[in-house]
Amino acid sequence: MTNPLPERSWPSRIRTAGRVAASGVRSLFGSSPSDDWLKRWLPVVAPLARQGVVLELGCGRGEDTALLCETGLNVCAVDLSVKWLELARGRAPKATFHCQDLRDPFPIAQTNVVIASLSLHYFDWAQTLQIIGRIQATLTPGGILLCRLNSTRDTHFGARGHEEIEPDFYRVNGQTKRFFNEPAIRAAFEGWKVRHIEECLSYRYVLPKHVWEVVLERP
């Protein structure tokens, strides 16, 4: 697969994306939280993914999967939860789903686009780097990883006050969770081209959640 998105088009596409409400917005017609973060990135993702398959790591209940499919893209999605995969299949019946740990081999060998929304934070540093290395190996040159990462400011969801296993890696109510600041992101993705990095608020839960939205290109 080749990269149909020339480098010079990145700034204008990202500016266009940025005009859409960032990350998540509260519903004007009720108390249900909204998290339509992916919409603003479709002008970046779609041209790259038209001729291939988007690999979605940690699809959860399939909200992003459904949006990608509605955009006309082919999606191969993975998640560890059987229950969530059942919900995702209901939302996005045209996608292909696999139940697996992200530390296991990915179900496709090559792609132009990988999306990982809040799914790369469960692992110690060494495992995190291994997963990132496999993502890089799966991407074609010029392909992109679009990811969201827990912020170290995400105090509503475990960034402080829990058993610390490694720096910014905690055991939160029995679940390991990593939190990132910008230097940690740049260290984890050393050698990648950082196309966009921004700390945002997401309202997918009742309390606001601090996340990083990052677009990285495989050189």
N, C-alpha and C. Protein backbone atom coordinates (compact mmCIF):
# COMPACT_ATOMS: atom_id res chain seq x y z
N MET A 1 0.84 -1.19 0.00
CA MET A 1 0.00 0.00 0.00
C MET A 1 0.88 1.24 0.00
N THR A 2 0.41 2.30 -0.65
CA THR A 2 1.17 3.54 -0.69
C THR A 2 0.44 4.61 0.09
N ASN A 3 1.15 5.66 0.40
CA ASN A 3 0.58 6.76 1.17
C ASN A 3 0.02 7.82 0.23
N PRO A 4 -1.32 7.96 0.14
CA PRO A 4 -1.90 8.94 -0.76
C PRO A 4 -1.97 10.34 -0.17
N LEU A 5 -1.48 10.54 1.03
CA LEU A 5 -1.61 11.82 1.70
C LEU A 5 -0.26 12.51 1.76
N PRO A 6 0.04 13.43 0.82
CA PRO A 6 1.34 14.08 0.82
C PRO A 6 1.57 14.90 2.08
N GLU A 7 2.84 14.98 2.48
CA GLU A 7 3.18 15.66 3.72
C GLU A 7 2.72 17.11 3.73
N ARG A 8 2.78 17.79 2.60
CA ARG A 8 2.43 19.21 2.58
C ARG A 8 0.96 19.46 2.89
N SER A 9 0.11 18.42 2.78
CA SER A 9 -1.31 18.62 3.04
C SER A 9 -1.65 18.47 4.52
N TRP A 10 -0.70 18.02 5.32
CA TRP A 10 -1.00 17.79 6.73
C TRP A 10 -1.46 19.05 7.46
N PRO A 11 -0.74 20.17 7.40
CA PRO A 11 -1.17 21.31 8.20
C PRO A 11 -2.59 21.76 7.90
N SER A 12 -2.98 21.85 6.63
CA SER A 12 -4.33 22.31 6.30
C SER A 12 -5.36 21.31 6.78
N ARG A 13 -5.08 20.02 6.65
CA ARG A 13 -6.03 19.02 7.10
C ARG A 13 -6.19 19.06 8.62
N ILE A 14 -5.10 19.26 9.33
CA ILE A 14 -5.19 19.31 10.78
C ILE A 14 -5.91 20.58 11.22
N ARG A 15 -5.70 21.71 10.52
CA ARG A 15 -6.44 22.92 10.87
C ARG A 15 -7.93 22.72 10.64
N THR A 16 -8.28 22.03 9.55
CA THR A 16 -9.69 21.73 9.30
C THR A 16 -10.26 20.87 10.41
N ALA A 17 -9.49 19.85 10.80
CA ALA A 17 -9.93 18.97 11.88
C ALA A 17 -10.12 19.76 13.16
N GLY A 18 -9.22 20.69 13.44
CA GLY A 18 -9.27 21.43 14.68
C GLY A 18 -10.47 22.35 14.81
N ARG A 19 -11.12 22.66 13.70
CA ARG A 19 -12.29 23.52 13.78
C ARG A 19 -13.51 22.78 14.31
N VAL A 20 -13.42 21.45 14.34
CA VAL A 20 -14.50 20.66 14.93
C VAL A 20 -14.28 20.63 16.43
N ALA A 21 -15.33 20.53 17.21
CA ALA A 21 -15.21 20.55 18.67
C ALA A 21 -14.24 19.48 19.14
N ALA A 22 -13.32 19.88 20.01
CA ALA A 22 -12.23 18.99 20.41
C ALA A 22 -12.72 17.90 21.33
N SER A 23 -12.45 16.66 20.95
CA SER A 23 -12.48 15.46 21.78
C SER A 23 -13.87 15.08 22.25
N GLY A 24 -14.50 15.87 23.06
CA GLY A 24 -15.81 15.49 23.55
C GLY A 24 -16.58 16.74 23.94
N VAL A 25 -17.89 16.71 23.81
CA VAL A 25 -18.70 17.86 24.19
C VAL A 25 -19.91 17.37 24.95
N ARG A 26 -20.38 18.19 25.88
CA ARG A 26 -21.58 17.81 26.62
C ARG A 26 -22.81 17.95 25.73
N SER A 27 -23.73 17.01 25.90
CA SER A 27 -24.97 17.08 25.13
C SER A 27 -25.77 18.32 25.54
N LEU A 28 -26.34 19.02 24.57
CA LEU A 28 -27.17 20.18 24.86
C LEU A 28 -28.60 19.78 25.21
N PHE A 29 -28.93 18.51 25.04
CA PHE A 29 -30.32 18.09 25.20
C PHE A 29 -30.48 17.02 26.27
N GLY A 30 -29.55 16.93 27.19
CA GLY A 30 -29.65 15.94 28.24
C GLY A 30 -28.31 15.78 28.94
N SER A 31 -28.25 14.83 29.86
CA SER A 31 -27.05 14.67 30.67
C SER A 31 -26.11 13.62 30.12
N SER A 32 -26.48 12.93 29.05
CA SER A 32 -25.63 11.87 28.52
C SER A 32 -24.36 12.47 27.94
N PRO A 33 -23.19 11.93 28.32
CA PRO A 33 -21.95 12.46 27.78
C PRO A 33 -21.77 12.07 26.32
N SER A 34 -21.02 12.88 25.60
CA SER A 34 -20.72 12.62 24.20
C SER A 34 -19.22 12.53 24.02
N ASP A 35 -18.77 11.70 23.09
CA ASP A 35 -17.34 11.55 22.85
C ASP A 35 -17.11 11.30 21.37
N ASP A 36 -17.31 12.33 20.58
CA ASP A 36 -17.21 12.18 19.13
C ASP A 36 -15.84 12.63 18.63
N TRP A 37 -14.81 12.31 19.37
CA TRP A 37 -13.45 12.78 19.10
C TRP A 37 -12.97 12.43 17.70
N LEU A 38 -13.38 11.27 17.18
CA LEU A 38 -12.82 10.76 15.94
C LEU A 38 -13.27 11.55 14.71
N LYS A 39 -14.42 12.20 14.80
CA LYS A 39 -14.98 12.88 13.62
C LYS A 39 -14.00 13.88 13.02
N ARG A 40 -13.31 14.62 13.87
CA ARG A 40 -12.44 15.66 13.33
C ARG A 40 -11.22 15.10 12.61
N TRP A 41 -10.93 13.81 12.83
CA TRP A 41 -9.77 13.20 12.19
C TRP A 41 -10.12 12.43 10.92
N LEU A 42 -11.38 12.34 10.58
CA LEU A 42 -11.76 11.60 9.37
C LEU A 42 -11.13 12.18 8.10
N PRO A 43 -10.98 13.52 7.96
CA PRO A 43 -10.30 14.02 6.75
C PRO A 43 -8.86 13.57 6.64
N VAL A 44 -8.23 13.21 7.75
CA VAL A 44 -6.87 12.69 7.72
C VAL A 44 -6.86 11.18 7.48
N VAL A 45 -7.76 10.48 8.18
CA VAL A 45 -7.77 9.02 8.14
C VAL A 45 -8.30 8.48 6.81
N ALA A 46 -9.42 9.03 6.34
CA ALA A 46 -10.11 8.44 5.19
C ALA A 46 -9.25 8.33 3.93
N PRO A 47 -8.53 9.37 3.52
CA PRO A 47 -7.73 9.23 2.29
C PRO A 47 -6.67 8.14 2.39
N LEU A 48 -6.11 7.95 3.57
CA LEU A 48 -5.10 6.92 3.75
C LEU A 48 -5.68 5.52 3.75
N ALA A 49 -6.93 5.40 4.21
CA ALA A 49 -7.51 4.08 4.46
C ALA A 49 -8.40 3.57 3.34
N ARG A 50 -8.65 4.37 2.31
CA ARG A 50 -9.61 3.98 1.28
C ARG A 50 -9.27 2.65 0.62
N GLN A 51 -8.00 2.41 0.38
CA GLN A 51 -7.59 1.22 -0.38
C GLN A 51 -7.18 0.05 0.51
N GLY A 52 -7.35 0.18 1.82
CA GLY A 52 -6.90 -0.89 2.70
C GLY A 52 -7.87 -1.13 3.83
N VAL A 53 -7.31 -1.50 4.97
CA VAL A 53 -8.10 -1.82 6.16
C VAL A 53 -7.55 -1.02 7.34
N VAL A 54 -8.44 -0.39 8.08
CA VAL A 54 -8.05 0.28 9.32
C VAL A 54 -7.92 -0.78 10.41
N LEU A 55 -6.80 -0.78 11.12
CA LEU A 55 -6.63 -1.66 12.27
C LEU A 55 -6.96 -0.86 13.52
N GLU A 56 -8.02 -1.27 14.22
CA GLU A 56 -8.44 -0.59 15.44
C GLU A 56 -8.08 -1.45 16.64
N LEU A 57 -7.21 -0.93 17.49
CA LEU A 57 -6.73 -1.66 18.65
C LEU A 57 -7.50 -1.22 19.89
N GLY A 58 -8.29 -2.14 20.45
CA GLY A 58 -9.10 -1.80 21.60
C GLY A 58 -10.36 -1.07 21.19
N CYS A 59 -11.25 -1.77 20.48
CA CYS A 59 -12.44 -1.12 19.91
C CYS A 59 -13.53 -0.90 20.94
N GLY A 60 -13.45 -1.56 22.12
CA GLY A 60 -14.49 -1.38 23.12
C GLY A 60 -15.85 -1.75 22.58
N ARG A 61 -16.82 -0.89 22.81
CA ARG A 61 -18.20 -1.17 22.40
C ARG A 61 -18.51 -0.81 20.95
N GLY A 62 -17.49 -0.33 20.24
CA GLY A 62 -17.65 -0.17 18.79
C GLY A 62 -18.13 1.17 18.30
N GLU A 63 -18.11 2.20 19.16
CA GLU A 63 -18.57 3.51 18.68
C GLU A 63 -17.70 4.03 17.54
N ASP A 64 -16.38 3.97 17.73
CA ASP A 64 -15.48 4.45 16.68
C ASP A 64 -15.51 3.52 15.46
N THR A 65 -15.64 2.23 15.72
CA THR A 65 -15.73 1.25 14.63
C THR A 65 -16.90 1.58 13.72
N ALA A 66 -18.04 1.86 14.34
CA ALA A 66 -19.25 2.18 13.56
C ALA A 66 -19.05 3.43 12.72
N LEU A 67 -18.43 4.46 13.30
CA LEU A 67 -18.20 5.70 12.55
C LEU A 67 -17.29 5.45 11.35
N LEU A 68 -16.24 4.66 11.55
CA LEU A 68 -15.33 4.35 10.44
C LEU A 68 -16.06 3.60 9.33
N CYS A 69 -16.90 2.64 9.72
CA CYS A 69 -17.66 1.88 8.72
C CYS A 69 -18.66 2.77 8.00
N GLU A 70 -19.30 3.68 8.74
CA GLU A 70 -20.25 4.60 8.11
C GLU A 70 -19.56 5.52 7.11
N THR A 71 -18.27 5.76 7.32
CA THR A 71 -17.49 6.58 6.40
C THR A 71 -17.10 5.80 5.15
N GLY A 72 -17.38 4.50 5.14
CA GLY A 72 -17.08 3.67 3.98
C GLY A 72 -15.75 2.96 4.06
N LEU A 73 -15.17 2.89 5.26
CA LEU A 73 -13.86 2.26 5.42
C LEU A 73 -14.01 0.82 5.90
N ASN A 74 -13.06 -0.01 5.51
CA ASN A 74 -12.99 -1.38 6.01
C ASN A 74 -12.21 -1.38 7.32
N VAL A 75 -12.74 -2.08 8.32
CA VAL A 75 -12.15 -2.04 9.66
C VAL A 75 -11.91 -3.45 10.18
N CYS A 76 -10.72 -3.66 10.71
CA CYS A 76 -10.40 -4.87 11.46
C CYS A 76 -10.16 -4.43 12.90
N ALA A 77 -11.05 -4.82 13.81
CA ALA A 77 -11.01 -4.32 15.18
C ALA A 77 -10.73 -5.45 16.16
N VAL A 78 -9.98 -5.13 17.20
CA VAL A 78 -9.67 -6.13 18.23
C VAL A 78 -10.00 -5.56 19.60
N ASP A 79 -10.37 -6.47 20.50
CA ASP A 79 -10.58 -6.11 21.89
C ASP A 79 -10.48 -7.38 22.72
N LEU A 80 -10.16 -7.20 24.00
CA LEU A 80 -10.01 -8.35 24.89
C LEU A 80 -11.33 -8.81 25.49
N SER A 81 -12.34 -7.93 25.49
CA SER A 81 -13.60 -8.22 26.14
C SER A 81 -14.60 -8.86 25.18
N VAL A 82 -15.02 -10.08 25.48
CA VAL A 82 -16.03 -10.76 24.67
C VAL A 82 -17.35 -9.98 24.71
N LYS A 83 -17.70 -9.48 25.88
CA LYS A 83 -18.96 -8.74 26.04
C LYS A 83 -18.96 -7.49 25.18
N TRP A 84 -17.88 -6.74 25.21
CA TRP A 84 -17.83 -5.51 24.42
C TRP A 84 -17.80 -5.81 22.93
N LEU A 85 -17.15 -6.90 22.54
CA LEU A 85 -17.12 -7.27 21.13
C LEU A 85 -18.52 -7.59 20.62
N GLU A 86 -19.34 -8.20 21.45
CA GLU A 86 -20.72 -8.47 21.05
C GLU A 86 -21.47 -7.16 20.77
N LEU A 87 -21.27 -6.17 21.64
CA LEU A 87 -21.89 -4.87 21.42
C LEU A 87 -21.34 -4.20 20.16
N ALA A 88 -20.03 -4.33 19.96
CA ALA A 88 -19.40 -3.71 18.79
C ALA A 88 -19.91 -4.34 17.50
N ARG A 89 -20.09 -5.65 17.49
CA ARG A 89 -20.62 -6.32 16.29
C ARG A 89 -22.01 -5.81 15.96
N GLY A 90 -22.80 -5.55 16.99
CA GLY A 90 -24.14 -5.01 16.76
C GLY A 90 -24.11 -3.62 16.16
N ARG A 91 -23.13 -2.82 16.57
CA ARG A 91 -23.02 -1.45 16.05
C ARG A 91 -22.41 -1.40 14.66
N ALA A 92 -21.47 -2.30 14.39
CA ALA A 92 -20.71 -2.24 13.13
C ALA A 92 -20.63 -3.63 12.51
N PRO A 93 -21.75 -4.15 11.98
CA PRO A 93 -21.76 -5.52 11.46
C PRO A 93 -20.85 -5.74 10.26
N LYS A 94 -20.43 -4.67 9.58
CA LYS A 94 -19.57 -4.84 8.41
C LYS A 94 -18.10 -4.98 8.78
N ALA A 95 -17.74 -4.67 10.01
CA ALA A 95 -16.35 -4.77 10.44
C ALA A 95 -15.98 -6.21 10.76
N THR A 96 -14.69 -6.48 10.78
CA THR A 96 -14.17 -7.78 11.21
C THR A 96 -13.63 -7.63 12.63
N PHE A 97 -13.96 -8.57 13.50
CA PHE A 97 -13.58 -8.46 14.91
C PHE A 97 -12.76 -9.66 15.36
N HIS A 98 -11.82 -9.38 16.26
CA HIS A 98 -10.97 -10.42 16.84
C HIS A 98 -10.88 -10.18 18.35
N CYS A 99 -11.03 -11.25 19.12
CA CYS A 99 -10.89 -11.17 20.57
C CYS A 99 -9.46 -11.54 20.93
N GLN A 100 -8.68 -10.57 21.42
CA GLN A 100 -7.28 -10.84 21.72
C GLN A 100 -6.67 -9.75 22.58
N ASP A 101 -5.56 -10.09 23.19
CA ASP A 101 -4.71 -9.16 23.94
C ASP A 101 -3.84 -8.40 22.95
N LEU A 102 -3.57 -7.13 23.22
CA LEU A 102 -2.73 -6.35 22.31
C LEU A 102 -1.29 -6.82 22.30
N ARG A 103 -0.91 -7.63 23.27
CA ARG A 103 0.45 -8.17 23.28
C ARG A 103 0.60 -9.36 22.34
N ASP A 104 -0.53 -9.87 21.83
CA ASP A 104 -0.49 -10.97 20.87
C ASP A 104 -0.33 -10.42 19.45
N PRO A 105 0.09 -11.27 18.49
CA PRO A 105 0.25 -10.79 17.11
C PRO A 105 -1.04 -10.19 16.57
N PHE A 106 -0.92 -9.10 15.85
CA PHE A 106 -2.10 -8.45 15.27
C PHE A 106 -2.68 -9.31 14.14
N PRO A 107 -3.98 -9.19 13.88
CA PRO A 107 -4.62 -10.05 12.88
C PRO A 107 -4.33 -9.68 11.43
N ILE A 108 -3.76 -8.51 11.19
CA ILE A 108 -3.37 -8.16 9.82
C ILE A 108 -1.90 -7.77 9.81
N ALA A 109 -1.25 -7.99 8.67
CA ALA A 109 0.20 -7.79 8.59
C ALA A 109 0.58 -6.36 8.24
N GLN A 110 -0.27 -5.67 7.45
CA GLN A 110 0.07 -4.32 7.00
C GLN A 110 -1.17 -3.45 6.88
N THR A 111 -0.99 -2.18 7.17
CA THR A 111 -2.08 -1.22 7.02
C THR A 111 -1.49 0.18 6.91
N ASN A 112 -2.30 1.10 6.40
CA ASN A 112 -1.91 2.51 6.37
C ASN A 112 -2.34 3.26 7.62
N VAL A 113 -3.32 2.71 8.36
CA VAL A 113 -3.88 3.43 9.50
C VAL A 113 -4.12 2.48 10.67
N VAL A 114 -3.61 2.87 11.83
CA VAL A 114 -3.92 2.18 13.09
C VAL A 114 -4.56 3.21 14.02
N ILE A 115 -5.66 2.82 14.65
CA ILE A 115 -6.32 3.67 15.63
C ILE A 115 -6.32 2.95 16.97
N ALA A 116 -5.90 3.65 18.01
CA ALA A 116 -5.86 3.07 19.35
C ALA A 116 -6.36 4.13 20.33
N SER A 117 -7.63 4.07 20.65
CA SER A 117 -8.23 5.06 21.54
C SER A 117 -8.29 4.52 22.96
N LEU A 118 -7.44 5.05 23.82
CA LEU A 118 -7.41 4.69 25.24
C LEU A 118 -7.24 3.19 25.44
N SER A 119 -6.34 2.60 24.66
CA SER A 119 -6.09 1.15 24.78
C SER A 119 -4.63 0.80 24.99
N LEU A 120 -3.74 1.79 24.98
CA LEU A 120 -2.30 1.50 25.09
C LEU A 120 -1.77 1.75 26.50
N HIS A 121 -2.65 1.90 27.48
CA HIS A 121 -2.20 2.33 28.81
C HIS A 121 -2.22 1.23 29.87
N TYR A 122 -2.41 0.00 29.49
CA TYR A 122 -2.54 -1.07 30.48
C TYR A 122 -1.23 -1.78 30.82
N PHE A 123 -0.13 -1.38 30.24
CA PHE A 123 1.08 -2.20 30.22
C PHE A 123 2.26 -1.48 30.86
N ASP A 124 3.21 -2.29 31.36
CA ASP A 124 4.44 -1.67 31.87
C ASP A 124 5.20 -1.05 30.70
N TRP A 125 6.25 -0.31 31.03
CA TRP A 125 6.94 0.47 30.00
C TRP A 125 7.53 -0.42 28.91
N ALA A 126 8.16 -1.52 29.32
CA ALA A 126 8.78 -2.42 28.34
C ALA A 126 7.74 -3.00 27.39
N GLN A 127 6.60 -3.43 27.93
CA GLN A 127 5.54 -3.97 27.08
C GLN A 127 4.93 -2.89 26.19
N THR A 128 4.80 -1.68 26.73
CA THR A 128 4.28 -0.57 25.93
C THR A 128 5.16 -0.33 24.71
N LEU A 129 6.47 -0.30 24.92
CA LEU A 129 7.39 -0.09 23.81
C LEU A 129 7.34 -1.23 22.81
N GLN A 130 7.16 -2.46 23.29
CA GLN A 130 7.05 -3.61 22.38
C GLN A 130 5.81 -3.48 21.50
N ILE A 131 4.69 -3.10 22.10
CA ILE A 131 3.45 -2.94 21.32
C ILE A 131 3.61 -1.82 20.30
N ILE A 132 4.20 -0.71 20.71
CA ILE A 132 4.43 0.40 19.78
C ILE A 132 5.34 -0.04 18.64
N GLY A 133 6.34 -0.84 18.95
CA GLY A 133 7.22 -1.36 17.91
C GLY A 133 6.48 -2.23 16.91
N ARG A 134 5.54 -3.04 17.39
CA ARG A 134 4.77 -3.88 16.47
C ARG A 134 3.78 -3.06 15.65
N ILE A 135 3.24 -1.99 16.25
CA ILE A 135 2.40 -1.08 15.46
C ILE A 135 3.22 -0.47 14.33
N GLN A 136 4.42 -0.02 14.65
CA GLN A 136 5.27 0.58 13.63
C GLN A 136 5.59 -0.42 12.52
N ALA A 137 5.85 -1.67 12.90
CA ALA A 137 6.15 -2.69 11.89
C ALA A 137 4.93 -3.01 11.03
N THR A 138 3.74 -2.84 11.57
CA THR A 138 2.51 -3.12 10.83
C THR A 138 2.16 -1.99 9.86
N LEU A 139 2.53 -0.77 10.21
CA LEU A 139 2.23 0.37 9.35
C LEU A 139 3.16 0.41 8.14
N THR A 140 2.61 0.78 7.01
CA THR A 140 3.43 1.04 5.83
C THR A 140 4.17 2.36 6.03
N PRO A 141 5.29 2.57 5.35
CA PRO A 141 5.96 3.87 5.43
C PRO A 141 5.00 5.01 5.05
N GLY A 142 4.92 6.02 5.88
CA GLY A 142 3.96 7.10 5.67
C GLY A 142 2.61 6.85 6.30
N GLY A 143 2.39 5.63 6.81
CA GLY A 143 1.14 5.34 7.50
C GLY A 143 1.08 6.03 8.84
N ILE A 144 -0.12 6.13 9.41
CA ILE A 144 -0.29 6.87 10.65
C ILE A 144 -0.90 6.02 11.76
N LEU A 145 -0.50 6.36 12.97
CA LEU A 145 -1.15 5.89 14.19
C LEU A 145 -1.87 7.09 14.79
N LEU A 146 -3.17 6.96 14.96
CA LEU A 146 -3.98 7.96 15.64
C LEU A 146 -4.36 7.37 16.98
N CYS A 147 -3.89 7.99 18.06
CA CYS A 147 -4.16 7.38 19.36
C CYS A 147 -4.57 8.42 20.39
N ARG A 148 -5.26 7.93 21.41
CA ARG A 148 -5.55 8.73 22.59
C ARG A 148 -4.92 8.03 23.79
N LEU A 149 -4.32 8.83 24.65
CA LEU A 149 -3.59 8.31 25.79
C LEU A 149 -4.03 9.03 27.06
N ASN A 150 -4.08 8.30 28.17
CA ASN A 150 -4.37 8.92 29.46
C ASN A 150 -3.34 10.01 29.76
N SER A 151 -3.81 11.14 30.27
CA SER A 151 -2.92 12.22 30.68
C SER A 151 -2.57 12.09 32.16
N THR A 152 -1.40 12.56 32.53
CA THR A 152 -1.02 12.59 33.95
C THR A 152 -1.89 13.56 34.74
N ARG A 153 -2.68 14.37 34.06
CA ARG A 153 -3.64 15.26 34.73
C ARG A 153 -5.00 14.60 34.92
N ASP A 154 -5.12 13.34 34.55
CA ASP A 154 -6.41 12.63 34.59
C ASP A 154 -6.70 12.13 36.01
N THR A 155 -6.79 13.07 36.95
CA THR A 155 -6.92 12.69 38.36
C THR A 155 -8.28 12.09 38.69
N HIS A 156 -9.29 12.35 37.89
CA HIS A 156 -10.60 11.73 38.13
C HIS A 156 -10.57 10.22 37.89
N PHE A 157 -9.59 9.75 37.13
CA PHE A 157 -9.58 8.34 36.73
C PHE A 157 -8.26 7.65 37.05
N GLY A 158 -7.61 8.10 38.14
CA GLY A 158 -6.52 7.29 38.67
C GLY A 158 -5.12 7.83 38.58
N ALA A 159 -4.94 9.05 38.10
CA ALA A 159 -3.58 9.56 37.90
C ALA A 159 -2.87 9.91 39.21
N ARG A 160 -3.56 9.89 40.31
CA ARG A 160 -2.94 10.17 41.61
C ARG A 160 -3.58 9.29 42.68
N GLY A 161 -2.80 9.01 43.74
CA GLY A 161 -3.36 8.40 44.93
C GLY A 161 -3.52 6.90 44.90
N HIS A 162 -2.83 6.22 43.98
CA HIS A 162 -2.93 4.77 43.90
C HIS A 162 -1.53 4.15 43.96
N GLU A 163 -1.50 2.84 44.15
CA GLU A 163 -0.22 2.13 44.20
C GLU A 163 0.56 2.35 42.91
N GLU A 164 1.77 2.88 43.02
CA GLU A 164 2.59 3.17 41.85
C GLU A 164 3.53 2.00 41.59
N ILE A 165 3.42 1.41 40.40
CA ILE A 165 4.24 0.27 40.01
C ILE A 165 5.51 0.75 39.32
N GLU A 166 5.37 1.70 38.43
CA GLU A 166 6.45 2.39 37.74
C GLU A 166 6.07 3.87 37.72
N PRO A 167 6.97 4.76 37.34
CA PRO A 167 6.58 6.16 37.22
C PRO A 167 5.35 6.33 36.33
N ASP A 168 4.30 6.92 36.89
CA ASP A 168 3.04 7.19 36.18
C ASP A 168 2.32 5.92 35.72
N PHE A 169 2.61 4.81 36.37
CA PHE A 169 1.94 3.53 36.07
C PHE A 169 1.42 2.98 37.39
N TYR A 170 0.09 2.92 37.53
CA TYR A 170 -0.54 2.65 38.81
C TYR A 170 -1.45 1.41 38.73
N ARG A 171 -1.74 0.87 39.92
CA ARG A 171 -2.78 -0.13 40.04
C ARG A 171 -4.02 0.58 40.58
N VAL A 172 -5.02 0.72 39.73
CA VAL A 172 -6.22 1.49 40.05
C VAL A 172 -7.39 0.53 40.18
N ASN A 173 -7.84 0.32 41.40
CA ASN A 173 -8.96 -0.60 41.65
C ASN A 173 -8.73 -1.96 40.99
N GLY A 174 -7.50 -2.45 41.12
CA GLY A 174 -7.16 -3.77 40.60
C GLY A 174 -6.73 -3.79 39.15
N GLN A 175 -6.81 -2.67 38.45
CA GLN A 175 -6.46 -2.59 37.03
C GLN A 175 -5.24 -1.70 36.86
N THR A 176 -4.24 -2.18 36.11
CA THR A 176 -3.07 -1.34 35.85
C THR A 176 -3.41 -0.28 34.81
N LYS A 177 -2.92 0.94 35.04
CA LYS A 177 -3.19 2.06 34.13
C LYS A 177 -1.97 2.96 34.07
N ARG A 178 -1.59 3.31 32.87
CA ARG A 178 -0.48 4.24 32.65
C ARG A 178 -1.01 5.62 32.26
N PHE A 179 -0.29 6.65 32.71
CA PHE A 179 -0.64 8.03 32.40
C PHE A 179 0.57 8.71 31.78
N PHE A 180 0.32 9.54 30.78
CA PHE A 180 1.40 10.11 29.96
C PHE A 180 1.44 11.63 30.09
N ASN A 181 2.67 12.17 30.11
CA ASN A 181 2.87 13.58 29.83
C ASN A 181 3.55 13.68 28.47
N GLU A 182 3.76 14.89 27.98
CA GLU A 182 4.31 15.02 26.63
C GLU A 182 5.71 14.42 26.49
N PRO A 183 6.62 14.62 27.46
CA PRO A 183 7.94 13.98 27.32
C PRO A 183 7.85 12.46 27.23
N ALA A 184 6.94 11.86 28.00
CA ALA A 184 6.79 10.40 27.95
C ALA A 184 6.26 9.94 26.60
N ILE A 185 5.35 10.70 26.02
CA ILE A 185 4.83 10.36 24.69
C ILE A 185 5.95 10.41 23.67
N ARG A 186 6.73 11.47 23.71
CA ARG A 186 7.82 11.60 22.74
C ARG A 186 8.89 10.53 22.94
N ALA A 187 9.11 10.13 24.18
CA ALA A 187 10.06 9.05 24.44
C ALA A 187 9.54 7.72 23.92
N ALA A 188 8.25 7.46 24.15
CA ALA A 188 7.66 6.20 23.70
C ALA A 188 7.67 6.08 22.18
N PHE A 189 7.51 7.21 21.50
CA PHE A 189 7.43 7.20 20.03
C PHE A 189 8.68 7.80 19.40
N GLU A 190 9.80 7.60 20.03
CA GLU A 190 11.06 8.09 19.48
C GLU A 190 11.29 7.49 18.09
N GLY A 191 11.64 8.33 17.14
CA GLY A 191 11.86 7.87 15.77
C GLY A 191 10.65 8.04 14.87
N TRP A 192 9.47 8.26 15.45
CA TRP A 192 8.28 8.55 14.66
C TRP A 192 8.23 10.04 14.31
N LYS A 193 7.46 10.40 13.29
CA LYS A 193 7.17 11.80 13.00
C LYS A 193 5.90 12.18 13.75
N VAL A 194 6.02 13.10 14.69
CA VAL A 194 4.86 13.54 15.46
C VAL A 194 4.15 14.62 14.65
N ARG A 195 2.98 14.28 14.12
CA ARG A 195 2.22 15.20 13.27
C ARG A 195 1.28 16.09 14.07
N HIS A 196 0.84 15.60 15.22
CA HIS A 196 -0.08 16.39 16.05
C HIS A 196 -0.02 15.82 17.46
N ILE A 197 0.03 16.72 18.44
CA ILE A 197 -0.03 16.29 19.84
C ILE A 197 -0.78 17.37 20.62
N GLU A 198 -1.81 16.96 21.33
CA GLU A 198 -2.70 17.93 21.98
C GLU A 198 -3.35 17.28 23.20
N GLU A 199 -3.37 18.01 24.30
CA GLU A 199 -4.09 17.55 25.49
C GLU A 199 -5.51 18.09 25.42
N CYS A 200 -6.48 17.19 25.60
CA CYS A 200 -7.90 17.54 25.43
C CYS A 200 -8.69 17.05 26.63
N LEU A 201 -9.93 17.49 26.69
CA LEU A 201 -10.89 16.96 27.65
C LEU A 201 -11.90 16.10 26.91
N SER A 202 -12.14 14.91 27.44
CA SER A 202 -13.17 14.03 26.90
C SER A 202 -14.30 13.94 27.91
N TYR A 203 -15.53 13.90 27.40
CA TYR A 203 -16.69 13.78 28.27
C TYR A 203 -17.43 12.46 28.02
N ARG A 204 -16.66 11.42 27.74
CA ARG A 204 -17.30 10.12 27.51
C ARG A 204 -17.84 9.54 28.81
N TYR A 205 -17.32 10.01 29.94
CA TYR A 205 -17.79 9.56 31.25
C TYR A 205 -18.47 10.73 31.96
N VAL A 206 -19.00 10.48 33.15
CA VAL A 206 -19.71 11.53 33.87
C VAL A 206 -18.77 12.67 34.23
N LEU A 207 -17.55 12.35 34.67
CA LEU A 207 -16.56 13.37 34.99
C LEU A 207 -15.65 13.61 33.79
N PRO A 208 -15.17 14.83 33.60
CA PRO A 208 -14.26 15.09 32.47
C PRO A 208 -12.97 14.31 32.61
N LYS A 209 -12.46 13.84 31.48
CA LYS A 209 -11.25 13.02 31.45
C LYS A 209 -10.19 13.73 30.62
N HIS A 210 -8.99 13.88 31.19
CA HIS A 210 -7.88 14.49 30.46
C HIS A 210 -7.19 13.42 29.61
N VAL A 211 -7.10 13.67 28.33
CA VAL A 211 -6.46 12.72 27.40
C VAL A 211 -5.54 13.48 26.45
N TRP A 212 -4.61 12.75 25.89
CA TRP A 212 -3.79 13.25 24.79
C TRP A 212 -4.33 12.68 23.48
N GLU A 213 -4.45 13.52 22.47
CA GLU A 213 -4.72 13.06 21.11
C GLU A 213 -3.43 13.24 20.32
N VAL A 214 -2.97 12.16 19.72
CA VAL A 214 -1.67 12.17 19.07
C VAL A 214 -1.79 11.52 17.69
N VAL A 215 -1.22 12.17 16.69
CA VAL A 215 -1.12 11.60 15.35
C VAL A 215 0.36 11.43 15.04
N LEU A 216 0.74 10.20 14.75
CA LEU A 216 2.14 9.87 14.48
C LEU A 216 2.26 9.20 13.14
N GLU A 217 3.30 9.54 12.42
CA GLU A 217 3.55 8.96 11.11
C GLU A 217 4.77 8.06 11.16
N ARG A 218 4.63 6.88 10.58
CA ARG A 218 5.80 6.02 10.46
C ARG A 218 6.73 6.59 9.38
N PRO A 219 7.99 6.85 9.73
CA PRO A 219 8.90 7.42 8.72
C PRO A 219 9.23 6.41 7.63
